[in-house]
Amino acid sequence: MADSDRGQVVQIGARIRRLRTERNLALRNLAESSGLSINTISLVERNKISPSVSTLHRIAVALDVPITAFFEDATEEQMIIFTPARSRRAIAIPGGHMEKLGSGLAHQCIEPLLIRLEPGASSGRETIMHSGHELIFCVTGNLFYEVDGEQYHLEPGDSLLFEAQLPHRWGNEGTSTVTAIMLFARPDGTEGILQRHIHN
């Protein structure tokens, strides 16, 4: 999708800083709970670097919010969500971007994302672990996934579903752009986490 066809790229630094300060957390506190350095968090908050997906997950877990909380400000709960392509928000990640496909449902327990990765891009060097389940559907390109030490090579039309607490990472080891749909599902449903997402 061309840049003109996408929604605005979100500068997430201010959103992360707001979520942190609302919880009365100093940079040091967030660094300790996320396992990241103070310098890394400071650079992210000042939009000096594009954080990897692994880094975003660590920050989201430390702040107790879904990763989609970094995409936009509060919205009212609804029963139906329609998101035109041009209105989607994107977060820049190294070698690509993620777009939120929908949020704002009452009692929402899924986080759908569209991810685009240029050749060589990845989720980061460290593995990711989080609660719930994760589904990945490869739309274009060739996507590499490693889950709990097992390697999977997804081609267009392939999907992968796994328990997200297993250590995992992914990347584009091919020569063309990867487009994939990611779906995070939280088995504990939503109340506390969703309310923070909606009202922060």
N, C-alpha and C. Protein backbone atom coordinates (compact mmCIF):
# COMPACT_ATOMS: atom_id res chain seq x y z
N MET A 1 0.85 -1.20 0.00
CA MET A 1 0.00 0.00 0.00
C MET A 1 0.88 1.24 0.00
N ALA A 2 0.61 2.16 -0.87
CA ALA A 2 1.39 3.39 -0.95
C ALA A 2 1.13 4.24 0.27
N ASP A 3 2.11 5.14 0.58
CA ASP A 3 1.96 6.01 1.74
C ASP A 3 0.69 6.82 1.66
N SER A 4 0.30 7.24 0.45
CA SER A 4 -0.89 8.07 0.29
C SER A 4 -2.16 7.30 0.62
N ASP A 5 -2.08 5.96 0.62
CA ASP A 5 -3.24 5.14 0.91
C ASP A 5 -3.37 4.79 2.37
N ARG A 6 -2.35 5.13 3.16
CA ARG A 6 -2.36 4.78 4.56
C ARG A 6 -2.78 5.97 5.40
N GLY A 7 -3.23 5.65 6.61
CA GLY A 7 -3.53 6.70 7.57
C GLY A 7 -2.25 7.32 8.10
N GLN A 8 -2.42 8.24 9.01
CA GLN A 8 -1.31 8.97 9.58
C GLN A 8 -0.41 8.05 10.40
N VAL A 9 0.91 8.24 10.27
CA VAL A 9 1.86 7.50 11.10
C VAL A 9 1.89 8.15 12.47
N VAL A 10 1.66 7.35 13.49
CA VAL A 10 1.56 7.86 14.85
C VAL A 10 2.95 8.03 15.45
N GLN A 11 3.18 9.18 16.08
CA GLN A 11 4.38 9.39 16.88
C GLN A 11 4.03 8.95 18.30
N ILE A 12 4.52 7.78 18.67
CA ILE A 12 4.02 7.16 19.90
C ILE A 12 4.71 7.64 21.17
N GLY A 13 5.80 8.38 21.03
CA GLY A 13 6.56 8.78 22.21
C GLY A 13 5.73 9.49 23.26
N ALA A 14 4.94 10.48 22.82
CA ALA A 14 4.12 11.25 23.76
C ALA A 14 3.07 10.37 24.41
N ARG A 15 2.55 9.40 23.68
CA ARG A 15 1.53 8.51 24.24
C ARG A 15 2.14 7.63 25.33
N ILE A 16 3.33 7.12 25.07
CA ILE A 16 4.00 6.29 26.09
C ILE A 16 4.32 7.13 27.32
N ARG A 17 4.81 8.36 27.10
CA ARG A 17 5.11 9.23 28.24
C ARG A 17 3.85 9.52 29.05
N ARG A 18 2.73 9.76 28.36
CA ARG A 18 1.48 10.05 29.08
C ARG A 18 1.02 8.84 29.90
N LEU A 19 1.08 7.66 29.29
CA LEU A 19 0.69 6.45 30.02
C LEU A 19 1.60 6.22 31.23
N ARG A 20 2.87 6.53 31.07
CA ARG A 20 3.82 6.35 32.17
C ARG A 20 3.55 7.33 33.30
N THR A 21 3.37 8.61 32.95
CA THR A 21 3.17 9.63 33.99
C THR A 21 1.82 9.47 34.67
N GLU A 22 0.80 9.00 33.94
CA GLU A 22 -0.50 8.75 34.56
C GLU A 22 -0.42 7.68 35.64
N ARG A 23 0.59 6.83 35.52
CA ARG A 23 0.78 5.77 36.50
C ARG A 23 1.83 6.15 37.54
N ASN A 24 2.25 7.42 37.50
CA ASN A 24 3.25 7.94 38.44
C ASN A 24 4.54 7.12 38.41
N LEU A 25 4.94 6.74 37.21
CA LEU A 25 6.17 5.98 37.03
C LEU A 25 7.28 6.88 36.51
N ALA A 26 8.42 6.83 37.15
CA ALA A 26 9.59 7.52 36.63
C ALA A 26 10.19 6.67 35.51
N LEU A 27 11.06 7.27 34.71
CA LEU A 27 11.73 6.51 33.66
C LEU A 27 12.41 5.28 34.25
N ARG A 28 13.03 5.46 35.43
CA ARG A 28 13.73 4.36 36.07
C ARG A 28 12.77 3.21 36.39
N ASN A 29 11.57 3.55 36.88
CA ASN A 29 10.59 2.51 37.21
C ASN A 29 10.17 1.71 35.98
N LEU A 30 9.89 2.43 34.89
CA LEU A 30 9.48 1.75 33.66
C LEU A 30 10.62 0.91 33.10
N ALA A 31 11.84 1.43 33.22
CA ALA A 31 13.01 0.68 32.75
C ALA A 31 13.15 -0.63 33.52
N GLU A 32 12.98 -0.56 34.83
CA GLU A 32 13.13 -1.76 35.66
C GLU A 32 12.04 -2.79 35.35
N SER A 33 10.80 -2.34 35.20
CA SER A 33 9.70 -3.28 34.99
C SER A 33 9.67 -3.84 33.57
N SER A 34 10.24 -3.11 32.61
CA SER A 34 10.24 -3.57 31.22
C SER A 34 11.51 -4.31 30.84
N GLY A 35 12.56 -4.14 31.64
CA GLY A 35 13.84 -4.75 31.29
C GLY A 35 14.61 -3.98 30.24
N LEU A 36 14.16 -2.75 29.95
CA LEU A 36 14.84 -1.89 28.98
C LEU A 36 15.69 -0.87 29.71
N SER A 37 16.62 -0.27 29.00
CA SER A 37 17.45 0.76 29.62
C SER A 37 16.69 2.08 29.69
N ILE A 38 17.07 2.92 30.65
CA ILE A 38 16.47 4.25 30.76
C ILE A 38 16.69 5.03 29.47
N ASN A 39 17.88 4.89 28.89
CA ASN A 39 18.19 5.62 27.66
C ASN A 39 17.27 5.20 26.52
N THR A 40 17.01 3.89 26.40
CA THR A 40 16.13 3.41 25.33
C THR A 40 14.74 3.99 25.47
N ILE A 41 14.19 3.96 26.69
CA ILE A 41 12.84 4.48 26.91
C ILE A 41 12.81 5.98 26.65
N SER A 42 13.84 6.69 27.07
CA SER A 42 13.90 8.13 26.83
C SER A 42 13.92 8.44 25.33
N LEU A 43 14.69 7.67 24.56
CA LEU A 43 14.76 7.88 23.11
C LEU A 43 13.42 7.58 22.45
N VAL A 44 12.73 6.54 22.93
CA VAL A 44 11.41 6.21 22.38
C VAL A 44 10.43 7.32 22.69
N GLU A 45 10.42 7.81 23.93
CA GLU A 45 9.47 8.85 24.32
C GLU A 45 9.70 10.16 23.56
N ARG A 46 10.94 10.40 23.15
CA ARG A 46 11.25 11.62 22.40
C ARG A 46 11.21 11.39 20.89
N ASN A 47 10.72 10.21 20.48
CA ASN A 47 10.61 9.86 19.06
C ASN A 47 11.95 9.95 18.33
N LYS A 48 13.01 9.62 19.05
CA LYS A 48 14.34 9.63 18.44
C LYS A 48 14.67 8.31 17.76
N ILE A 49 13.97 7.25 18.17
CA ILE A 49 14.16 5.94 17.54
C ILE A 49 12.79 5.31 17.31
N SER A 50 12.73 4.42 16.32
CA SER A 50 11.52 3.62 16.10
C SER A 50 11.71 2.31 16.85
N PRO A 51 10.91 2.06 17.89
CA PRO A 51 11.12 0.85 18.70
C PRO A 51 10.74 -0.41 17.94
N SER A 52 11.47 -1.48 18.23
CA SER A 52 11.11 -2.78 17.66
C SER A 52 9.81 -3.26 18.29
N VAL A 53 9.21 -4.26 17.67
CA VAL A 53 7.98 -4.83 18.22
C VAL A 53 8.25 -5.44 19.60
N SER A 54 9.42 -6.04 19.76
CA SER A 54 9.79 -6.60 21.06
C SER A 54 9.81 -5.51 22.12
N THR A 55 10.39 -4.35 21.78
CA THR A 55 10.43 -3.23 22.72
C THR A 55 9.03 -2.74 23.04
N LEU A 56 8.18 -2.60 22.02
CA LEU A 56 6.80 -2.16 22.25
C LEU A 56 6.06 -3.13 23.17
N HIS A 57 6.26 -4.42 22.96
CA HIS A 57 5.60 -5.41 23.82
C HIS A 57 6.07 -5.27 25.26
N ARG A 58 7.37 -5.08 25.46
CA ARG A 58 7.90 -4.94 26.82
C ARG A 58 7.30 -3.73 27.52
N ILE A 59 7.20 -2.63 26.80
CA ILE A 59 6.63 -1.41 27.39
C ILE A 59 5.15 -1.60 27.67
N ALA A 60 4.43 -2.22 26.73
CA ALA A 60 2.99 -2.45 26.92
C ALA A 60 2.73 -3.32 28.14
N VAL A 61 3.51 -4.39 28.29
CA VAL A 61 3.33 -5.27 29.45
C VAL A 61 3.64 -4.52 30.74
N ALA A 62 4.71 -3.73 30.73
CA ALA A 62 5.09 -2.98 31.93
C ALA A 62 4.03 -1.95 32.32
N LEU A 63 3.36 -1.37 31.32
CA LEU A 63 2.31 -0.38 31.58
C LEU A 63 0.94 -1.03 31.75
N ASP A 64 0.86 -2.34 31.52
CA ASP A 64 -0.40 -3.09 31.63
C ASP A 64 -1.45 -2.56 30.67
N VAL A 65 -1.06 -2.38 29.42
CA VAL A 65 -1.97 -1.94 28.37
C VAL A 65 -1.75 -2.82 27.14
N PRO A 66 -2.75 -2.95 26.27
CA PRO A 66 -2.52 -3.65 25.00
C PRO A 66 -1.64 -2.79 24.10
N ILE A 67 -0.97 -3.43 23.18
CA ILE A 67 -0.08 -2.68 22.29
C ILE A 67 -0.84 -1.65 21.47
N THR A 68 -2.14 -1.89 21.22
CA THR A 68 -2.93 -0.94 20.45
C THR A 68 -3.17 0.36 21.20
N ALA A 69 -2.90 0.40 22.51
CA ALA A 69 -3.05 1.64 23.27
C ALA A 69 -2.08 2.71 22.79
N PHE A 70 -1.03 2.31 22.08
CA PHE A 70 -0.05 3.28 21.58
C PHE A 70 -0.49 3.95 20.28
N PHE A 71 -1.58 3.47 19.67
CA PHE A 71 -1.98 3.98 18.37
C PHE A 71 -2.81 5.25 18.43
N GLU A 72 -3.69 5.37 19.41
CA GLU A 72 -4.58 6.52 19.39
C GLU A 72 -5.11 6.83 20.77
N ASP A 73 -5.72 7.98 20.89
CA ASP A 73 -6.29 8.41 22.15
C ASP A 73 -7.60 7.69 22.41
N ALA A 74 -8.22 8.02 23.51
CA ALA A 74 -9.43 7.33 23.95
C ALA A 74 -10.55 7.41 22.92
N THR A 75 -11.31 6.33 22.83
CA THR A 75 -12.52 6.31 22.01
C THR A 75 -13.64 5.75 22.87
N GLU A 76 -14.86 6.09 22.51
CA GLU A 76 -16.00 5.53 23.24
C GLU A 76 -16.24 4.09 22.81
N GLU A 77 -16.70 3.28 23.75
CA GLU A 77 -17.04 1.90 23.42
C GLU A 77 -18.18 1.86 22.41
N GLN A 78 -18.07 0.94 21.45
CA GLN A 78 -19.11 0.78 20.44
C GLN A 78 -19.39 -0.70 20.25
N MET A 79 -20.46 -1.00 19.55
CA MET A 79 -20.79 -2.40 19.27
C MET A 79 -20.35 -2.82 17.87
N ILE A 80 -20.13 -1.85 16.99
CA ILE A 80 -19.65 -2.13 15.63
C ILE A 80 -18.54 -1.13 15.32
N ILE A 81 -17.44 -1.61 14.78
CA ILE A 81 -16.32 -0.74 14.42
C ILE A 81 -16.03 -0.90 12.94
N PHE A 82 -16.15 0.18 12.18
CA PHE A 82 -15.76 0.19 10.77
C PHE A 82 -14.56 1.11 10.65
N THR A 83 -13.48 0.61 10.05
CA THR A 83 -12.26 1.39 9.93
C THR A 83 -11.87 1.50 8.46
N PRO A 84 -12.15 2.63 7.81
CA PRO A 84 -11.73 2.82 6.42
C PRO A 84 -10.20 2.76 6.32
N ALA A 85 -9.71 2.27 5.20
CA ALA A 85 -8.27 2.10 5.03
C ALA A 85 -7.50 3.39 5.26
N ARG A 86 -8.05 4.51 4.77
CA ARG A 86 -7.33 5.78 4.87
C ARG A 86 -7.31 6.34 6.29
N SER A 87 -8.13 5.81 7.16
CA SER A 87 -8.17 6.36 8.52
C SER A 87 -7.37 5.52 9.51
N ARG A 88 -6.78 4.43 9.05
CA ARG A 88 -6.00 3.59 9.96
C ARG A 88 -4.76 4.32 10.45
N ARG A 89 -4.43 4.11 11.70
CA ARG A 89 -3.21 4.67 12.28
C ARG A 89 -2.09 3.64 12.19
N ALA A 90 -0.88 4.12 11.94
CA ALA A 90 0.28 3.23 11.82
C ALA A 90 1.36 3.63 12.80
N ILE A 91 2.10 2.65 13.26
CA ILE A 91 3.28 2.87 14.09
C ILE A 91 4.48 2.41 13.29
N ALA A 92 5.47 3.27 13.17
CA ALA A 92 6.70 2.90 12.48
C ALA A 92 7.52 1.96 13.37
N ILE A 93 8.01 0.89 12.78
CA ILE A 93 8.94 -0.01 13.44
C ILE A 93 10.14 -0.15 12.51
N PRO A 94 11.28 -0.59 13.02
CA PRO A 94 12.44 -0.71 12.13
C PRO A 94 12.14 -1.59 10.92
N GLY A 95 12.25 -1.02 9.74
CA GLY A 95 12.03 -1.78 8.52
C GLY A 95 10.59 -2.02 8.15
N GLY A 96 9.67 -1.25 8.73
CA GLY A 96 8.27 -1.44 8.37
C GLY A 96 7.33 -0.64 9.24
N HIS A 97 6.09 -1.09 9.33
CA HIS A 97 5.11 -0.42 10.18
C HIS A 97 3.98 -1.38 10.53
N MET A 98 3.25 -1.04 11.59
CA MET A 98 2.08 -1.79 12.01
C MET A 98 0.88 -0.87 11.95
N GLU A 99 -0.25 -1.40 11.51
CA GLU A 99 -1.50 -0.63 11.46
C GLU A 99 -2.55 -1.33 12.31
N LYS A 100 -3.25 -0.57 13.12
CA LYS A 100 -4.33 -1.12 13.93
C LYS A 100 -5.54 -1.32 13.04
N LEU A 101 -6.14 -2.50 13.06
CA LEU A 101 -7.29 -2.81 12.21
C LEU A 101 -8.62 -2.56 12.90
N GLY A 102 -8.60 -2.36 14.20
CA GLY A 102 -9.85 -2.07 14.88
C GLY A 102 -9.73 -2.16 16.38
N SER A 103 -10.29 -1.18 17.08
CA SER A 103 -10.39 -1.23 18.54
C SER A 103 -11.52 -0.32 18.97
N GLY A 104 -11.98 -0.51 20.18
CA GLY A 104 -13.04 0.33 20.72
C GLY A 104 -14.33 -0.41 21.01
N LEU A 105 -14.34 -1.74 20.76
CA LEU A 105 -15.52 -2.52 21.11
C LEU A 105 -15.66 -2.62 22.62
N ALA A 106 -16.88 -2.65 23.09
CA ALA A 106 -17.10 -2.95 24.50
C ALA A 106 -16.63 -4.38 24.77
N HIS A 107 -15.87 -4.55 25.83
CA HIS A 107 -15.37 -5.88 26.24
C HIS A 107 -14.51 -6.52 25.15
N GLN A 108 -13.75 -5.71 24.44
CA GLN A 108 -12.90 -6.24 23.37
C GLN A 108 -11.78 -7.09 23.95
N CYS A 109 -11.59 -8.27 23.39
CA CYS A 109 -10.53 -9.15 23.88
C CYS A 109 -9.57 -9.57 22.77
N ILE A 110 -9.66 -8.94 21.61
CA ILE A 110 -8.72 -9.21 20.52
C ILE A 110 -8.08 -7.92 20.06
N GLU A 111 -6.84 -8.04 19.58
CA GLU A 111 -6.11 -6.90 19.04
C GLU A 111 -5.66 -7.26 17.62
N PRO A 112 -6.37 -6.80 16.59
CA PRO A 112 -5.99 -7.12 15.21
C PRO A 112 -5.05 -6.06 14.63
N LEU A 113 -3.96 -6.51 14.02
CA LEU A 113 -2.98 -5.60 13.44
C LEU A 113 -2.60 -6.07 12.04
N LEU A 114 -2.28 -5.11 11.18
CA LEU A 114 -1.70 -5.39 9.88
C LEU A 114 -0.24 -4.97 9.96
N ILE A 115 0.66 -5.85 9.57
CA ILE A 115 2.08 -5.53 9.66
C ILE A 115 2.71 -5.66 8.29
N ARG A 116 3.59 -4.71 7.98
CA ARG A 116 4.35 -4.74 6.72
C ARG A 116 5.83 -4.69 7.06
N LEU A 117 6.59 -5.60 6.50
CA LEU A 117 8.01 -5.70 6.78
C LEU A 117 8.81 -5.71 5.48
N GLU A 118 9.80 -4.84 5.42
CA GLU A 118 10.71 -4.85 4.28
C GLU A 118 11.73 -5.98 4.48
N PRO A 119 12.40 -6.41 3.42
CA PRO A 119 13.39 -7.48 3.56
C PRO A 119 14.42 -7.16 4.65
N GLY A 120 14.67 -8.12 5.51
CA GLY A 120 15.62 -7.94 6.59
C GLY A 120 15.02 -7.43 7.88
N ALA A 121 13.79 -6.93 7.84
CA ALA A 121 13.15 -6.40 9.05
C ALA A 121 12.71 -7.55 9.95
N SER A 122 12.62 -7.27 11.25
CA SER A 122 12.23 -8.31 12.19
C SER A 122 11.62 -7.71 13.44
N SER A 123 11.17 -8.58 14.33
CA SER A 123 10.59 -8.13 15.60
C SER A 123 11.66 -7.69 16.59
N GLY A 124 12.89 -7.95 16.29
CA GLY A 124 13.99 -7.59 17.19
C GLY A 124 14.81 -8.82 17.53
N ARG A 125 15.95 -8.59 18.16
CA ARG A 125 16.84 -9.71 18.47
C ARG A 125 16.32 -10.59 19.59
N GLU A 126 15.60 -9.99 20.53
CA GLU A 126 15.11 -10.76 21.67
C GLU A 126 13.73 -11.34 21.38
N THR A 127 13.45 -12.47 22.01
CA THR A 127 12.14 -13.08 21.83
C THR A 127 11.07 -12.31 22.60
N ILE A 128 9.83 -12.51 22.19
CA ILE A 128 8.67 -11.85 22.78
C ILE A 128 7.86 -12.90 23.54
N MET A 129 7.34 -12.53 24.68
CA MET A 129 6.43 -13.40 25.43
C MET A 129 5.34 -12.53 26.03
N HIS A 130 4.09 -12.94 25.89
CA HIS A 130 2.99 -12.19 26.48
C HIS A 130 1.82 -13.14 26.71
N SER A 131 0.82 -12.68 27.41
CA SER A 131 -0.31 -13.55 27.73
C SER A 131 -1.20 -13.75 26.51
N GLY A 132 -2.04 -14.78 26.57
CA GLY A 132 -3.05 -14.99 25.54
C GLY A 132 -2.57 -15.87 24.40
N HIS A 133 -3.21 -15.67 23.25
CA HIS A 133 -2.91 -16.43 22.04
C HIS A 133 -2.52 -15.47 20.93
N GLU A 134 -1.77 -15.98 19.97
CA GLU A 134 -1.36 -15.16 18.83
C GLU A 134 -1.62 -15.93 17.54
N LEU A 135 -2.24 -15.24 16.59
CA LEU A 135 -2.49 -15.81 15.26
C LEU A 135 -1.82 -14.92 14.24
N ILE A 136 -1.12 -15.54 13.30
CA ILE A 136 -0.49 -14.79 12.22
C ILE A 136 -0.95 -15.41 10.90
N PHE A 137 -1.34 -14.54 9.96
CA PHE A 137 -1.76 -14.98 8.63
C PHE A 137 -0.91 -14.22 7.62
N CYS A 138 -0.14 -14.95 6.82
CA CYS A 138 0.74 -14.33 5.83
C CYS A 138 -0.06 -14.00 4.57
N VAL A 139 -0.04 -12.73 4.19
CA VAL A 139 -0.78 -12.27 3.01
C VAL A 139 0.13 -12.25 1.79
N THR A 140 1.30 -11.62 1.93
CA THR A 140 2.28 -11.57 0.84
C THR A 140 3.68 -11.79 1.40
N GLY A 141 4.57 -12.25 0.54
CA GLY A 141 5.95 -12.44 0.95
C GLY A 141 6.16 -13.74 1.70
N ASN A 142 7.34 -13.86 2.28
CA ASN A 142 7.72 -15.05 3.04
C ASN A 142 8.13 -14.64 4.44
N LEU A 143 7.38 -15.08 5.42
CA LEU A 143 7.56 -14.66 6.81
C LEU A 143 8.15 -15.78 7.64
N PHE A 144 9.23 -15.47 8.33
CA PHE A 144 9.89 -16.43 9.22
C PHE A 144 9.38 -16.23 10.64
N TYR A 145 9.03 -17.33 11.29
CA TYR A 145 8.59 -17.29 12.70
C TYR A 145 9.35 -18.35 13.47
N GLU A 146 9.77 -18.00 14.66
CA GLU A 146 10.35 -18.98 15.57
C GLU A 146 9.53 -18.97 16.85
N VAL A 147 9.00 -20.12 17.23
CA VAL A 147 8.18 -20.24 18.44
C VAL A 147 8.75 -21.37 19.29
N ASP A 148 9.19 -21.01 20.49
CA ASP A 148 9.73 -21.99 21.44
C ASP A 148 10.82 -22.85 20.79
N GLY A 149 11.66 -22.20 19.99
CA GLY A 149 12.78 -22.89 19.37
C GLY A 149 12.47 -23.56 18.05
N GLU A 150 11.19 -23.69 17.70
CA GLU A 150 10.80 -24.30 16.42
C GLU A 150 10.66 -23.22 15.36
N GLN A 151 11.15 -23.51 14.15
CA GLN A 151 11.11 -22.53 13.07
C GLN A 151 9.99 -22.85 12.08
N TYR A 152 9.33 -21.78 11.63
CA TYR A 152 8.24 -21.91 10.66
C TYR A 152 8.45 -20.88 9.56
N HIS A 153 8.24 -21.30 8.32
CA HIS A 153 8.38 -20.40 7.18
C HIS A 153 7.00 -20.28 6.52
N LEU A 154 6.39 -19.13 6.68
CA LEU A 154 5.04 -18.90 6.19
C LEU A 154 5.07 -18.27 4.80
N GLU A 155 4.32 -18.86 3.90
CA GLU A 155 4.11 -18.31 2.57
C GLU A 155 2.69 -17.76 2.49
N PRO A 156 2.37 -17.00 1.43
CA PRO A 156 1.01 -16.45 1.33
C PRO A 156 -0.07 -17.51 1.52
N GLY A 157 -1.00 -17.23 2.42
CA GLY A 157 -2.08 -18.16 2.72
C GLY A 157 -1.82 -19.02 3.93
N ASP A 158 -0.56 -19.10 4.39
CA ASP A 158 -0.24 -19.89 5.57
C ASP A 158 -0.61 -19.13 6.84
N SER A 159 -0.93 -19.88 7.89
CA SER A 159 -1.23 -19.26 9.18
C SER A 159 -0.54 -20.03 10.29
N LEU A 160 -0.40 -19.38 11.42
CA LEU A 160 0.24 -19.98 12.59
C LEU A 160 -0.49 -19.49 13.83
N LEU A 161 -0.86 -20.41 14.71
CA LEU A 161 -1.57 -20.09 15.94
C LEU A 161 -0.82 -20.73 17.10
N PHE A 162 -0.57 -19.95 18.17
CA PHE A 162 0.18 -20.52 19.28
C PHE A 162 -0.11 -19.79 20.59
N GLU A 163 0.28 -20.44 21.68
CA GLU A 163 0.19 -19.84 23.01
C GLU A 163 1.26 -18.76 23.10
N ALA A 164 0.84 -17.52 23.34
CA ALA A 164 1.77 -16.39 23.22
C ALA A 164 2.76 -16.29 24.37
N GLN A 165 2.60 -17.09 25.43
CA GLN A 165 3.59 -17.06 26.49
C GLN A 165 4.85 -17.83 26.11
N LEU A 166 4.78 -18.57 24.99
CA LEU A 166 5.98 -19.22 24.46
C LEU A 166 6.88 -18.16 23.83
N PRO A 167 8.19 -18.23 24.05
CA PRO A 167 9.08 -17.23 23.45
C PRO A 167 9.02 -17.31 21.93
N HIS A 168 8.85 -16.15 21.30
CA HIS A 168 8.75 -16.15 19.85
C HIS A 168 9.35 -14.88 19.25
N ARG A 169 9.70 -14.98 18.00
CA ARG A 169 10.21 -13.84 17.24
C ARG A 169 9.91 -14.10 15.78
N TRP A 170 10.02 -13.07 14.95
CA TRP A 170 9.70 -13.23 13.54
C TRP A 170 10.47 -12.21 12.70
N GLY A 171 10.49 -12.44 11.40
CA GLY A 171 11.19 -11.52 10.53
C GLY A 171 10.95 -11.85 9.06
N ASN A 172 11.38 -10.93 8.22
CA ASN A 172 11.29 -11.10 6.77
C ASN A 172 12.68 -11.46 6.26
N GLU A 173 12.87 -12.72 5.95
CA GLU A 173 14.17 -13.17 5.45
C GLU A 173 14.17 -13.30 3.94
N GLY A 174 13.08 -12.84 3.30
CA GLY A 174 12.98 -12.92 1.85
C GLY A 174 13.47 -11.66 1.17
N THR A 175 13.12 -11.53 -0.11
CA THR A 175 13.58 -10.39 -0.91
C THR A 175 12.44 -9.45 -1.28
N SER A 176 11.23 -9.75 -0.82
CA SER A 176 10.09 -8.88 -1.11
C SER A 176 9.39 -8.51 0.19
N THR A 177 8.54 -7.50 0.12
CA THR A 177 7.83 -7.03 1.31
C THR A 177 6.87 -8.09 1.83
N VAL A 178 6.86 -8.25 3.14
CA VAL A 178 5.90 -9.15 3.79
C VAL A 178 4.72 -8.33 4.29
N THR A 179 3.52 -8.79 4.00
CA THR A 179 2.30 -8.24 4.58
C THR A 179 1.62 -9.37 5.33
N ALA A 180 1.26 -9.12 6.57
CA ALA A 180 0.64 -10.17 7.38
C ALA A 180 -0.38 -9.56 8.33
N ILE A 181 -1.34 -10.37 8.72
CA ILE A 181 -2.33 -9.98 9.72
C ILE A 181 -1.98 -10.69 11.01
N MET A 182 -1.87 -9.92 12.10
CA MET A 182 -1.60 -10.49 13.41
C MET A 182 -2.83 -10.28 14.28
N LEU A 183 -3.15 -11.27 15.05
CA LEU A 183 -4.29 -11.17 15.96
C LEU A 183 -3.85 -11.65 17.34
N PHE A 184 -3.92 -10.74 18.30
CA PHE A 184 -3.63 -11.09 19.69
C PHE A 184 -4.95 -11.28 20.42
N ALA A 185 -5.11 -12.39 21.12
CA ALA A 185 -6.33 -12.65 21.88
C ALA A 185 -5.96 -12.84 23.34
N ARG A 186 -6.69 -12.15 24.19
CA ARG A 186 -6.44 -12.24 25.63
C ARG A 186 -7.51 -13.12 26.26
N PRO A 187 -7.12 -14.25 26.82
CA PRO A 187 -8.12 -15.15 27.39
C PRO A 187 -8.82 -14.58 28.61
N ASP A 188 -8.17 -13.63 29.28
CA ASP A 188 -8.78 -13.06 30.47
C ASP A 188 -9.79 -11.99 30.11
N GLY A 189 -10.05 -11.85 28.78
CA GLY A 189 -11.04 -10.95 28.32
C GLY A 189 -10.68 -9.54 28.38
N THR A 190 -10.93 -8.73 29.36
CA THR A 190 -10.70 -7.37 29.01
C THR A 190 -10.86 -6.40 30.08
N GLU A 191 -11.77 -6.63 30.96
CA GLU A 191 -12.26 -5.50 31.73
C GLU A 191 -11.17 -4.51 32.11
N GLY A 192 -10.25 -4.91 33.01
CA GLY A 192 -9.28 -3.92 33.46
C GLY A 192 -8.41 -3.39 32.35
N ILE A 193 -7.87 -4.28 31.53
CA ILE A 193 -6.96 -3.85 30.47
C ILE A 193 -7.70 -3.02 29.44
N LEU A 194 -8.87 -3.46 29.04
CA LEU A 194 -9.63 -2.72 28.03
C LEU A 194 -10.01 -1.34 28.54
N GLN A 195 -10.42 -1.25 29.79
CA GLN A 195 -10.82 0.05 30.32
C GLN A 195 -9.65 1.02 30.30
N ARG A 196 -8.46 0.52 30.63
CA ARG A 196 -7.30 1.40 30.58
C ARG A 196 -7.06 1.86 29.14
N HIS A 197 -7.23 0.93 28.19
CA HIS A 197 -7.02 1.28 26.78
C HIS A 197 -8.00 2.34 26.32
N ILE A 198 -9.25 2.21 26.71
CA ILE A 198 -10.28 3.12 26.23
C ILE A 198 -10.21 4.47 26.91
N HIS A 199 -9.93 4.47 28.20
CA HIS A 199 -10.04 5.72 28.94
C HIS A 199 -8.72 6.43 29.17
N ASN A 200 -7.61 5.90 28.62
CA ASN A 200 -6.34 6.61 28.76
C ASN A 200 -6.07 7.48 27.55
